[in-house]
N, C-alpha and C. Protein backbone atom coordinates (compact mmCIF):
# COMPACT_ATOMS: atom_id res chain seq x y z
N MET A 1 -6.07 -26.97 27.42
CA MET A 1 -6.36 -25.59 27.22
C MET A 1 -7.26 -25.51 26.00
N SER A 2 -8.34 -24.78 26.02
CA SER A 2 -9.30 -24.69 24.91
C SER A 2 -8.74 -23.78 23.85
N THR A 3 -9.38 -23.93 22.62
CA THR A 3 -8.99 -23.12 21.48
C THR A 3 -9.21 -21.60 21.77
N ALA A 4 -10.35 -21.31 22.43
CA ALA A 4 -10.66 -19.94 22.74
C ALA A 4 -9.59 -19.34 23.74
N THR A 5 -9.12 -20.13 24.66
CA THR A 5 -8.13 -19.61 25.57
C THR A 5 -6.82 -19.39 24.82
N VAL A 6 -6.42 -20.29 24.00
CA VAL A 6 -5.17 -20.08 23.18
C VAL A 6 -5.32 -18.92 22.23
N SER A 7 -6.53 -18.75 21.61
CA SER A 7 -6.74 -17.71 20.67
C SER A 7 -6.72 -16.30 21.24
N ALA A 8 -6.99 -16.20 22.53
CA ALA A 8 -7.09 -14.91 23.15
C ALA A 8 -5.71 -14.30 23.45
N ARG A 9 -4.66 -15.09 23.28
CA ARG A 9 -3.30 -14.58 23.54
C ARG A 9 -2.99 -13.44 22.61
N PRO A 10 -2.00 -12.65 23.01
CA PRO A 10 -1.55 -11.61 22.05
C PRO A 10 -1.07 -12.29 20.80
N GLY A 11 -1.28 -11.63 19.70
CA GLY A 11 -0.93 -12.20 18.39
C GLY A 11 -2.13 -12.82 17.72
N ALA A 12 -3.27 -12.84 18.41
CA ALA A 12 -4.47 -13.42 17.75
C ALA A 12 -5.22 -12.28 17.00
N VAL A 13 -5.95 -12.72 16.02
CA VAL A 13 -6.92 -11.83 15.30
C VAL A 13 -8.29 -12.34 15.59
N LEU A 14 -9.32 -11.60 15.26
CA LEU A 14 -10.66 -12.02 15.58
C LEU A 14 -11.01 -13.36 15.01
N ALA A 15 -10.54 -13.71 13.85
CA ALA A 15 -10.84 -15.01 13.26
C ALA A 15 -10.30 -16.17 14.10
N ASP A 16 -9.23 -15.91 14.82
CA ASP A 16 -8.62 -16.97 15.63
C ASP A 16 -9.44 -17.38 16.77
N LEU A 17 -10.49 -16.62 17.13
CA LEU A 17 -11.40 -16.94 18.21
C LEU A 17 -12.34 -18.09 17.85
N LEU A 18 -12.45 -18.41 16.55
CA LEU A 18 -13.26 -19.54 16.12
C LEU A 18 -12.41 -20.79 16.22
N PRO A 19 -13.01 -21.93 16.45
CA PRO A 19 -12.31 -23.21 16.51
C PRO A 19 -11.44 -23.46 15.29
N ALA A 20 -10.15 -23.78 15.47
CA ALA A 20 -9.16 -23.88 14.36
C ALA A 20 -9.43 -25.13 13.54
N SER A 21 -9.44 -24.98 12.25
CA SER A 21 -9.50 -26.10 11.32
C SER A 21 -9.21 -25.54 9.91
N ARG A 22 -8.86 -26.43 9.04
CA ARG A 22 -8.67 -26.09 7.64
C ARG A 22 -9.99 -25.63 7.00
N VAL A 23 -11.10 -26.27 7.41
CA VAL A 23 -12.40 -25.91 6.87
C VAL A 23 -12.71 -24.44 7.30
N ARG A 24 -12.41 -24.13 8.55
CA ARG A 24 -12.63 -22.77 9.05
C ARG A 24 -11.83 -21.77 8.20
N ASP A 25 -10.56 -22.08 7.99
CA ASP A 25 -9.74 -21.12 7.20
C ASP A 25 -10.21 -20.98 5.76
N ALA A 26 -10.63 -22.09 5.19
CA ALA A 26 -11.10 -22.04 3.78
C ALA A 26 -12.44 -21.23 3.76
N ALA A 27 -13.32 -21.41 4.71
CA ALA A 27 -14.56 -20.67 4.73
C ALA A 27 -14.35 -19.20 4.98
N LEU A 28 -13.34 -18.87 5.83
CA LEU A 28 -13.04 -17.46 6.07
C LEU A 28 -12.48 -16.75 4.82
N VAL A 29 -11.60 -17.48 4.13
CA VAL A 29 -11.00 -16.95 2.91
C VAL A 29 -12.08 -16.70 1.87
N LEU A 30 -12.89 -17.66 1.70
CA LEU A 30 -13.94 -17.60 0.65
C LEU A 30 -14.96 -16.49 1.11
N GLY A 31 -15.30 -16.46 2.38
CA GLY A 31 -16.21 -15.45 2.86
C GLY A 31 -15.68 -14.05 2.74
N GLY A 32 -14.32 -13.86 2.96
CA GLY A 32 -13.72 -12.57 2.82
C GLY A 32 -13.75 -12.06 1.38
N ALA A 33 -13.49 -13.00 0.47
CA ALA A 33 -13.53 -12.63 -0.96
C ALA A 33 -14.97 -12.22 -1.32
N ALA A 34 -15.95 -13.03 -0.89
CA ALA A 34 -17.35 -12.75 -1.21
C ALA A 34 -17.80 -11.43 -0.61
N LEU A 35 -17.43 -11.17 0.62
CA LEU A 35 -17.79 -9.89 1.28
C LEU A 35 -17.21 -8.69 0.52
N THR A 36 -15.91 -8.83 0.00
CA THR A 36 -15.31 -7.77 -0.72
C THR A 36 -16.02 -7.59 -2.06
N GLY A 37 -16.39 -8.70 -2.72
CA GLY A 37 -17.12 -8.61 -3.95
C GLY A 37 -18.49 -7.99 -3.82
N LEU A 38 -19.21 -8.30 -2.74
CA LEU A 38 -20.47 -7.72 -2.48
C LEU A 38 -20.38 -6.19 -2.15
N ALA A 39 -19.35 -5.88 -1.36
CA ALA A 39 -19.12 -4.49 -0.95
C ALA A 39 -18.74 -3.60 -2.14
N ALA A 40 -18.12 -4.24 -3.15
CA ALA A 40 -17.72 -3.50 -4.36
C ALA A 40 -18.96 -3.02 -5.14
N GLN A 41 -20.05 -3.74 -4.91
CA GLN A 41 -21.30 -3.35 -5.65
C GLN A 41 -21.92 -2.12 -5.06
N LEU A 42 -21.56 -1.74 -3.86
CA LEU A 42 -21.98 -0.48 -3.29
C LEU A 42 -21.11 0.57 -3.93
N SER A 43 -21.51 1.09 -5.03
CA SER A 43 -20.65 1.91 -5.86
C SER A 43 -21.38 3.17 -6.27
N VAL A 44 -20.69 4.30 -6.09
CA VAL A 44 -21.28 5.61 -6.47
C VAL A 44 -20.27 6.30 -7.35
N PRO A 45 -20.63 6.73 -8.54
CA PRO A 45 -19.71 7.41 -9.44
C PRO A 45 -19.34 8.77 -8.79
N VAL A 46 -18.08 9.12 -9.08
CA VAL A 46 -17.52 10.42 -8.62
C VAL A 46 -17.39 11.28 -9.85
N PRO A 47 -18.13 12.44 -9.86
CA PRO A 47 -18.00 13.33 -11.05
C PRO A 47 -16.53 13.69 -11.29
N GLY A 48 -16.12 13.53 -12.57
CA GLY A 48 -14.75 13.92 -12.94
C GLY A 48 -13.70 12.85 -12.69
N SER A 49 -14.10 11.70 -12.09
CA SER A 49 -13.13 10.66 -11.78
C SER A 49 -13.55 9.35 -12.45
N PRO A 50 -12.60 8.59 -12.97
CA PRO A 50 -12.93 7.28 -13.55
C PRO A 50 -13.05 6.24 -12.44
N VAL A 51 -12.83 6.60 -11.18
CA VAL A 51 -12.91 5.66 -10.07
C VAL A 51 -14.10 5.99 -9.20
N PRO A 52 -15.01 5.03 -9.00
CA PRO A 52 -16.20 5.25 -8.12
C PRO A 52 -15.77 5.09 -6.61
N VAL A 53 -16.66 5.64 -5.80
CA VAL A 53 -16.61 5.36 -4.35
C VAL A 53 -17.29 4.03 -4.18
N THR A 54 -16.65 3.09 -3.46
CA THR A 54 -17.21 1.76 -3.24
C THR A 54 -17.02 1.33 -1.79
N GLY A 55 -17.66 0.29 -1.46
CA GLY A 55 -17.43 -0.33 -0.15
C GLY A 55 -16.31 -1.37 -0.13
N GLN A 56 -15.75 -1.63 -1.30
CA GLN A 56 -14.68 -2.65 -1.36
C GLN A 56 -13.46 -2.41 -0.62
N THR A 57 -13.01 -1.10 -0.57
CA THR A 57 -11.78 -0.83 0.20
C THR A 57 -12.03 -1.06 1.68
N PHE A 58 -13.16 -0.66 2.16
CA PHE A 58 -13.50 -0.91 3.57
C PHE A 58 -13.60 -2.41 3.89
N ALA A 59 -14.21 -3.12 2.98
CA ALA A 59 -14.28 -4.59 3.16
C ALA A 59 -12.91 -5.23 3.14
N ALA A 60 -12.09 -4.80 2.19
CA ALA A 60 -10.72 -5.39 2.09
C ALA A 60 -9.92 -5.14 3.37
N LEU A 61 -10.03 -3.94 3.90
CA LEU A 61 -9.32 -3.60 5.15
C LEU A 61 -9.91 -4.37 6.36
N LEU A 62 -11.21 -4.53 6.35
CA LEU A 62 -11.89 -5.22 7.45
C LEU A 62 -11.50 -6.70 7.36
N VAL A 63 -11.52 -7.29 6.15
CA VAL A 63 -11.15 -8.66 5.97
C VAL A 63 -9.69 -8.89 6.45
N GLY A 64 -8.79 -8.10 6.02
CA GLY A 64 -7.35 -8.21 6.38
C GLY A 64 -7.22 -8.13 7.91
N THR A 65 -7.88 -7.18 8.52
CA THR A 65 -7.77 -6.99 9.95
C THR A 65 -8.35 -8.13 10.76
N ALA A 66 -9.53 -8.57 10.36
CA ALA A 66 -10.26 -9.61 11.09
C ALA A 66 -9.64 -11.02 10.88
N LEU A 67 -9.09 -11.24 9.65
CA LEU A 67 -8.57 -12.64 9.35
C LEU A 67 -7.10 -12.70 9.56
N GLY A 68 -6.37 -11.65 9.61
CA GLY A 68 -4.92 -11.70 9.75
C GLY A 68 -4.30 -11.63 8.37
N ALA A 69 -2.95 -11.45 8.35
CA ALA A 69 -2.23 -11.23 7.13
C ALA A 69 -2.39 -12.35 6.09
N ARG A 70 -2.16 -13.60 6.51
CA ARG A 70 -2.19 -14.68 5.53
C ARG A 70 -3.56 -14.95 4.99
N ARG A 71 -4.58 -15.10 5.84
CA ARG A 71 -5.95 -15.34 5.36
C ARG A 71 -6.55 -14.14 4.65
N GLY A 72 -6.18 -12.93 5.18
CA GLY A 72 -6.65 -11.71 4.47
C GLY A 72 -6.07 -11.61 3.06
N PHE A 73 -4.79 -11.87 2.93
CA PHE A 73 -4.18 -11.83 1.63
C PHE A 73 -4.77 -12.88 0.67
N LEU A 74 -4.97 -14.09 1.20
CA LEU A 74 -5.57 -15.16 0.39
C LEU A 74 -6.99 -14.79 -0.03
N SER A 75 -7.75 -14.15 0.81
CA SER A 75 -9.13 -13.70 0.47
C SER A 75 -9.05 -12.69 -0.65
N LEU A 76 -8.15 -11.71 -0.55
CA LEU A 76 -8.10 -10.73 -1.59
C LEU A 76 -7.52 -11.26 -2.84
N ALA A 77 -6.60 -12.26 -2.73
CA ALA A 77 -6.01 -12.88 -3.88
C ALA A 77 -7.14 -13.64 -4.65
N LEU A 78 -7.95 -14.36 -3.92
CA LEU A 78 -9.10 -15.07 -4.50
C LEU A 78 -10.03 -14.07 -5.19
N TYR A 79 -10.36 -12.97 -4.49
CA TYR A 79 -11.16 -11.95 -5.03
C TYR A 79 -10.60 -11.39 -6.38
N THR A 80 -9.27 -11.13 -6.34
CA THR A 80 -8.64 -10.54 -7.53
C THR A 80 -8.60 -11.56 -8.65
N VAL A 81 -8.15 -12.77 -8.40
CA VAL A 81 -8.06 -13.75 -9.48
C VAL A 81 -9.45 -14.10 -10.12
N ALA A 82 -10.41 -14.26 -9.19
CA ALA A 82 -11.76 -14.55 -9.71
C ALA A 82 -12.30 -13.40 -10.59
N GLY A 83 -12.01 -12.17 -10.17
CA GLY A 83 -12.43 -11.01 -10.87
C GLY A 83 -11.70 -10.90 -12.24
N VAL A 84 -10.46 -11.23 -12.27
CA VAL A 84 -9.62 -11.14 -13.52
C VAL A 84 -10.18 -12.19 -14.51
N ILE A 85 -10.55 -13.36 -14.00
CA ILE A 85 -11.04 -14.45 -14.97
C ILE A 85 -12.53 -14.31 -15.33
N GLY A 86 -13.15 -13.31 -14.79
CA GLY A 86 -14.53 -12.99 -15.25
C GLY A 86 -15.67 -12.87 -14.27
N VAL A 87 -15.43 -13.20 -12.99
CA VAL A 87 -16.52 -13.00 -12.08
C VAL A 87 -16.78 -11.47 -11.95
N PRO A 88 -18.02 -11.03 -12.21
CA PRO A 88 -18.30 -9.58 -12.26
C PRO A 88 -18.50 -8.98 -10.91
N TRP A 89 -17.49 -9.00 -10.07
CA TRP A 89 -17.64 -8.47 -8.70
C TRP A 89 -16.64 -7.41 -8.35
N PHE A 90 -15.97 -6.83 -9.41
CA PHE A 90 -15.21 -5.59 -9.12
C PHE A 90 -16.25 -4.49 -9.12
N ALA A 91 -15.84 -3.27 -8.82
CA ALA A 91 -16.74 -2.12 -8.72
C ALA A 91 -17.60 -2.01 -9.99
N GLU A 92 -18.88 -1.70 -9.73
CA GLU A 92 -19.87 -1.56 -10.84
C GLU A 92 -20.06 -2.81 -11.64
N GLY A 93 -19.87 -4.02 -11.04
CA GLY A 93 -20.06 -5.27 -11.73
C GLY A 93 -19.06 -5.55 -12.81
N ASP A 94 -17.89 -4.91 -12.72
CA ASP A 94 -16.82 -5.10 -13.72
C ASP A 94 -16.05 -6.34 -13.40
N SER A 95 -15.30 -6.80 -14.37
CA SER A 95 -14.29 -7.90 -14.18
C SER A 95 -13.13 -7.64 -15.14
N GLY A 96 -12.12 -8.42 -14.99
CA GLY A 96 -10.92 -8.34 -15.88
C GLY A 96 -9.88 -7.36 -15.25
N ALA A 97 -8.78 -7.34 -15.94
CA ALA A 97 -7.69 -6.48 -15.43
C ALA A 97 -7.53 -5.21 -16.27
N GLY A 98 -8.45 -4.92 -17.15
CA GLY A 98 -8.32 -3.80 -18.03
C GLY A 98 -8.76 -2.44 -17.53
N ALA A 99 -9.49 -2.39 -16.42
CA ALA A 99 -10.01 -1.18 -15.89
C ALA A 99 -8.89 -0.24 -15.35
N VAL A 100 -9.08 1.05 -15.49
CA VAL A 100 -8.05 1.97 -14.95
C VAL A 100 -7.98 1.90 -13.47
N SER A 101 -9.02 1.39 -12.80
CA SER A 101 -9.06 1.26 -11.36
C SER A 101 -8.51 -0.05 -10.81
N PHE A 102 -7.98 -0.87 -11.70
CA PHE A 102 -7.47 -2.18 -11.28
C PHE A 102 -6.31 -2.07 -10.26
N GLY A 103 -5.57 -1.02 -10.35
CA GLY A 103 -4.44 -0.79 -9.43
C GLY A 103 -4.92 -0.77 -7.97
N TYR A 104 -6.17 -0.25 -7.79
CA TYR A 104 -6.66 -0.20 -6.42
C TYR A 104 -6.95 -1.58 -5.88
N VAL A 105 -7.38 -2.47 -6.80
CA VAL A 105 -7.58 -3.86 -6.37
C VAL A 105 -6.23 -4.50 -5.94
N LEU A 106 -5.20 -4.28 -6.75
CA LEU A 106 -3.87 -4.73 -6.36
C LEU A 106 -3.39 -4.16 -5.11
N GLY A 107 -3.69 -2.85 -4.87
CA GLY A 107 -3.37 -2.23 -3.60
C GLY A 107 -4.09 -2.81 -2.41
N MET A 108 -5.34 -3.21 -2.63
CA MET A 108 -6.13 -3.80 -1.56
C MET A 108 -5.53 -5.16 -1.19
N LEU A 109 -4.98 -5.89 -2.15
CA LEU A 109 -4.37 -7.15 -1.94
C LEU A 109 -3.21 -7.02 -0.95
N LEU A 110 -2.35 -5.99 -1.20
CA LEU A 110 -1.20 -5.72 -0.34
C LEU A 110 -1.69 -5.18 1.00
N ALA A 111 -2.60 -4.24 0.97
CA ALA A 111 -3.16 -3.65 2.20
C ALA A 111 -3.75 -4.62 3.17
N SER A 112 -4.40 -5.67 2.63
CA SER A 112 -4.99 -6.63 3.52
C SER A 112 -3.91 -7.34 4.35
N ALA A 113 -2.78 -7.61 3.74
CA ALA A 113 -1.72 -8.28 4.44
C ALA A 113 -1.09 -7.36 5.51
N VAL A 114 -0.95 -6.04 5.16
CA VAL A 114 -0.34 -5.10 6.05
C VAL A 114 -1.25 -4.95 7.27
N VAL A 115 -2.50 -4.67 7.04
CA VAL A 115 -3.44 -4.47 8.23
C VAL A 115 -3.63 -5.75 9.00
N GLY A 116 -3.54 -6.91 8.34
CA GLY A 116 -3.61 -8.17 9.08
C GLY A 116 -2.42 -8.38 9.96
N ALA A 117 -1.21 -8.01 9.49
CA ALA A 117 -0.01 -8.18 10.29
C ALA A 117 -0.14 -7.15 11.49
N LEU A 118 -0.59 -6.01 11.30
CA LEU A 118 -0.73 -5.00 12.41
C LEU A 118 -1.76 -5.51 13.40
N ALA A 119 -2.85 -6.15 12.91
CA ALA A 119 -3.92 -6.66 13.85
C ALA A 119 -3.33 -7.74 14.74
N ARG A 120 -2.39 -8.51 14.20
CA ARG A 120 -1.72 -9.59 15.03
C ARG A 120 -0.95 -8.98 16.15
N ARG A 121 -0.58 -7.72 16.04
CA ARG A 121 0.13 -6.94 17.06
C ARG A 121 -0.79 -6.10 17.92
N GLY A 122 -2.12 -6.39 17.79
CA GLY A 122 -3.07 -5.65 18.65
C GLY A 122 -3.54 -4.30 18.09
N ALA A 123 -3.29 -4.02 16.83
CA ALA A 123 -3.67 -2.74 16.26
C ALA A 123 -5.12 -2.57 16.08
N ASP A 124 -5.96 -3.56 16.27
CA ASP A 124 -7.40 -3.43 16.11
C ASP A 124 -8.21 -3.49 17.42
N ARG A 125 -7.49 -3.31 18.53
CA ARG A 125 -8.10 -3.46 19.80
C ARG A 125 -8.46 -2.17 20.52
N SER A 126 -7.99 -1.05 20.00
CA SER A 126 -8.37 0.26 20.52
C SER A 126 -8.72 1.18 19.37
N PRO A 127 -9.63 2.15 19.64
CA PRO A 127 -10.04 3.05 18.56
C PRO A 127 -8.93 3.78 17.86
N LEU A 128 -7.92 4.29 18.61
CA LEU A 128 -6.85 5.07 17.98
C LEU A 128 -5.94 4.17 17.20
N ARG A 129 -5.60 2.97 17.68
CA ARG A 129 -4.72 2.12 16.90
C ARG A 129 -5.45 1.61 15.67
N THR A 130 -6.78 1.38 15.81
CA THR A 130 -7.51 0.91 14.65
C THR A 130 -7.56 2.00 13.59
N ALA A 131 -7.77 3.26 13.99
CA ALA A 131 -7.72 4.36 13.04
C ALA A 131 -6.39 4.41 12.33
N GLY A 132 -5.33 4.32 13.06
CA GLY A 132 -4.02 4.29 12.39
C GLY A 132 -3.83 3.16 11.44
N THR A 133 -4.34 1.98 11.81
CA THR A 133 -4.24 0.79 10.93
C THR A 133 -4.99 1.09 9.62
N MET A 134 -6.22 1.61 9.74
CA MET A 134 -7.03 1.86 8.52
C MET A 134 -6.39 2.89 7.68
N ILE A 135 -5.82 3.91 8.27
CA ILE A 135 -5.18 5.00 7.49
C ILE A 135 -3.99 4.43 6.78
N LEU A 136 -3.15 3.59 7.43
CA LEU A 136 -2.01 2.99 6.78
C LEU A 136 -2.46 2.10 5.64
N GLY A 137 -3.50 1.31 5.85
CA GLY A 137 -4.04 0.39 4.82
C GLY A 137 -4.50 1.19 3.64
N SER A 138 -5.23 2.31 3.84
CA SER A 138 -5.64 3.16 2.77
C SER A 138 -4.49 3.74 1.99
N ALA A 139 -3.43 4.12 2.73
CA ALA A 139 -2.22 4.69 2.08
C ALA A 139 -1.60 3.68 1.17
N VAL A 140 -1.57 2.37 1.59
CA VAL A 140 -1.05 1.34 0.74
C VAL A 140 -1.91 1.17 -0.55
N ILE A 141 -3.16 1.21 -0.41
CA ILE A 141 -4.07 1.10 -1.55
C ILE A 141 -3.79 2.26 -2.56
N TYR A 142 -3.67 3.46 -2.00
CA TYR A 142 -3.39 4.56 -2.90
C TYR A 142 -2.01 4.50 -3.51
N ALA A 143 -1.03 4.04 -2.76
CA ALA A 143 0.33 3.94 -3.22
C ALA A 143 0.43 3.05 -4.48
N VAL A 144 -0.45 2.12 -4.63
CA VAL A 144 -0.49 1.27 -5.81
C VAL A 144 -1.51 1.78 -6.85
N GLY A 145 -2.72 2.11 -6.32
CA GLY A 145 -3.80 2.53 -7.22
C GLY A 145 -3.59 3.83 -7.96
N VAL A 146 -3.04 4.83 -7.35
CA VAL A 146 -2.91 6.16 -7.99
C VAL A 146 -1.86 6.08 -9.14
N PRO A 147 -0.67 5.53 -8.94
CA PRO A 147 0.27 5.43 -10.05
C PRO A 147 -0.28 4.59 -11.20
N TYR A 148 -0.95 3.48 -10.83
CA TYR A 148 -1.59 2.63 -11.83
C TYR A 148 -2.59 3.43 -12.65
N LEU A 149 -3.47 4.18 -11.95
CA LEU A 149 -4.44 5.06 -12.60
C LEU A 149 -3.74 6.03 -13.57
N ALA A 150 -2.59 6.60 -13.09
CA ALA A 150 -1.91 7.62 -13.95
C ALA A 150 -1.46 6.89 -15.23
N LEU A 151 -0.87 5.70 -15.13
CA LEU A 151 -0.36 5.00 -16.31
C LEU A 151 -1.53 4.53 -17.20
N ALA A 152 -2.56 3.87 -16.62
CA ALA A 152 -3.66 3.35 -17.38
C ALA A 152 -4.49 4.36 -18.07
N ALA A 153 -4.69 5.50 -17.39
CA ALA A 153 -5.54 6.56 -17.91
C ALA A 153 -4.76 7.66 -18.63
N HIS A 154 -3.41 7.49 -18.75
CA HIS A 154 -2.53 8.52 -19.36
C HIS A 154 -2.68 9.86 -18.75
N LEU A 155 -2.58 9.89 -17.39
CA LEU A 155 -2.65 11.13 -16.61
C LEU A 155 -1.29 11.36 -16.02
N SER A 156 -1.07 12.64 -15.72
CA SER A 156 0.11 12.93 -14.90
C SER A 156 -0.10 12.50 -13.50
N LEU A 157 0.88 12.32 -12.68
CA LEU A 157 0.77 11.83 -11.31
C LEU A 157 -0.11 12.86 -10.61
N GLY A 158 0.08 14.12 -10.82
CA GLY A 158 -0.73 15.21 -10.15
C GLY A 158 -2.24 15.05 -10.52
N GLN A 159 -2.52 14.76 -11.78
CA GLN A 159 -3.89 14.58 -12.23
C GLN A 159 -4.50 13.32 -11.59
N ALA A 160 -3.70 12.30 -11.53
CA ALA A 160 -4.18 11.05 -10.88
C ALA A 160 -4.49 11.26 -9.44
N VAL A 161 -3.66 12.01 -8.73
CA VAL A 161 -3.93 12.35 -7.33
C VAL A 161 -5.19 13.10 -7.19
N ALA A 162 -5.42 14.05 -8.15
CA ALA A 162 -6.61 14.91 -8.06
C ALA A 162 -7.91 14.16 -8.30
N VAL A 163 -7.88 13.16 -9.20
CA VAL A 163 -9.11 12.46 -9.49
C VAL A 163 -9.16 11.04 -8.84
N GLY A 164 -8.04 10.55 -8.32
CA GLY A 164 -7.98 9.18 -7.80
C GLY A 164 -7.67 9.07 -6.33
N LEU A 165 -7.44 10.24 -5.64
CA LEU A 165 -7.15 10.20 -4.21
C LEU A 165 -7.97 11.28 -3.48
N VAL A 166 -7.78 12.49 -3.89
CA VAL A 166 -8.43 13.62 -3.15
C VAL A 166 -9.93 13.46 -2.95
N PRO A 167 -10.69 13.08 -3.97
CA PRO A 167 -12.14 12.94 -3.76
C PRO A 167 -12.58 11.92 -2.78
N PHE A 168 -11.67 10.97 -2.42
CA PHE A 168 -12.00 9.86 -1.61
C PHE A 168 -11.55 10.01 -0.10
N LEU A 169 -10.86 11.11 0.22
CA LEU A 169 -10.31 11.22 1.60
C LEU A 169 -11.40 11.32 2.63
N ILE A 170 -12.47 12.04 2.37
CA ILE A 170 -13.53 12.16 3.34
C ILE A 170 -14.17 10.76 3.63
N GLY A 171 -14.44 10.09 2.53
CA GLY A 171 -14.98 8.75 2.65
C GLY A 171 -14.09 7.81 3.40
N ASP A 172 -12.76 7.89 3.20
CA ASP A 172 -11.84 7.06 3.94
C ASP A 172 -11.86 7.42 5.41
N ALA A 173 -12.00 8.71 5.73
CA ALA A 173 -12.06 9.11 7.15
C ALA A 173 -13.35 8.50 7.78
N LEU A 174 -14.43 8.47 7.05
CA LEU A 174 -15.67 7.88 7.58
C LEU A 174 -15.49 6.34 7.74
N LYS A 175 -14.83 5.70 6.80
CA LYS A 175 -14.58 4.26 6.92
C LYS A 175 -13.69 3.99 8.15
N ALA A 176 -12.69 4.77 8.35
CA ALA A 176 -11.79 4.60 9.52
C ALA A 176 -12.60 4.79 10.83
N ALA A 177 -13.48 5.78 10.87
CA ALA A 177 -14.28 6.02 12.05
C ALA A 177 -15.23 4.82 12.28
N LEU A 178 -15.79 4.21 11.23
CA LEU A 178 -16.64 3.07 11.38
C LEU A 178 -15.82 1.89 11.92
N ALA A 179 -14.62 1.69 11.41
CA ALA A 179 -13.77 0.61 11.84
C ALA A 179 -13.35 0.85 13.27
N MET A 180 -13.16 2.12 13.68
CA MET A 180 -12.73 2.46 15.03
C MET A 180 -13.81 2.00 16.04
N GLY A 181 -15.07 2.01 15.59
CA GLY A 181 -16.12 1.51 16.47
C GLY A 181 -16.29 0.00 16.41
N LEU A 182 -16.25 -0.58 15.20
CA LEU A 182 -16.52 -1.96 14.99
C LEU A 182 -15.49 -2.91 15.58
N LEU A 183 -14.27 -2.75 15.20
CA LEU A 183 -13.24 -3.73 15.61
C LEU A 183 -12.98 -3.77 17.10
N PRO A 184 -12.73 -2.57 17.80
CA PRO A 184 -12.52 -2.70 19.22
C PRO A 184 -13.80 -3.19 19.93
N ALA A 185 -14.99 -2.85 19.43
CA ALA A 185 -16.22 -3.37 20.03
C ALA A 185 -16.32 -4.87 19.88
N ALA A 186 -15.89 -5.39 18.74
CA ALA A 186 -15.92 -6.87 18.57
C ALA A 186 -15.01 -7.51 19.60
N TRP A 187 -13.81 -6.94 19.88
CA TRP A 187 -12.95 -7.57 20.86
C TRP A 187 -13.55 -7.43 22.22
N LYS A 188 -14.16 -6.31 22.52
CA LYS A 188 -14.70 -6.12 23.84
C LYS A 188 -15.90 -7.08 24.04
N PHE A 189 -16.73 -7.28 23.00
CA PHE A 189 -17.80 -8.22 23.07
C PHE A 189 -17.37 -9.63 23.36
N THR A 190 -16.16 -10.04 22.78
CA THR A 190 -15.66 -11.38 22.99
C THR A 190 -15.05 -11.52 24.37
N GLY A 191 -14.74 -10.38 25.03
CA GLY A 191 -14.12 -10.43 26.34
C GLY A 191 -12.69 -10.81 26.29
N LYS A 192 -12.04 -10.70 25.13
CA LYS A 192 -10.66 -11.15 24.96
C LYS A 192 -9.69 -9.99 24.70
N GLN A 193 -10.20 -8.78 24.87
CA GLN A 193 -9.31 -7.55 24.62
C GLN A 193 -8.21 -7.51 25.64
N ARG A 194 -6.98 -7.23 25.13
CA ARG A 194 -5.83 -7.06 26.05
C ARG A 194 -5.03 -5.88 25.63
């Protein structure tokens, strides 16, 4: 039985369609971290908020979904650790753990594992399930990022929600819509959708 045949079984994620090896897994983890770092540079300041709109949340959710929980988590762990020790690939070329937005990075780490686990259950194979997966992943990011923002920026929880969640909801809806098109289409393209 070929690797592609085995990988098409329920419980597979998109990355499993590639021939299995440790080199593949290492390359996927490194590539996922690099993609997230590059996407973080797509950054637009939000008036009145210390947190910019970036592509890193979309990348983190896409990495988790496409690679699965373990590899997705490892990718975001690599991204986080490298950023903390000085690689300037957090939003706006920042690094370190001192930014008030660092909680969102920690949230992305957890969210990548959550969406990866859901993808193993087929949550990325239809537009509606993909939307639900992205919404849940975003909720995990906010569940960590907003309270961290409140503590780090000395804001009330209500203020942190107003500047660290509300301005980003439209963008998150657009990211979910993009994922709704990309992920199911990738499965359809491979001919392995079930």
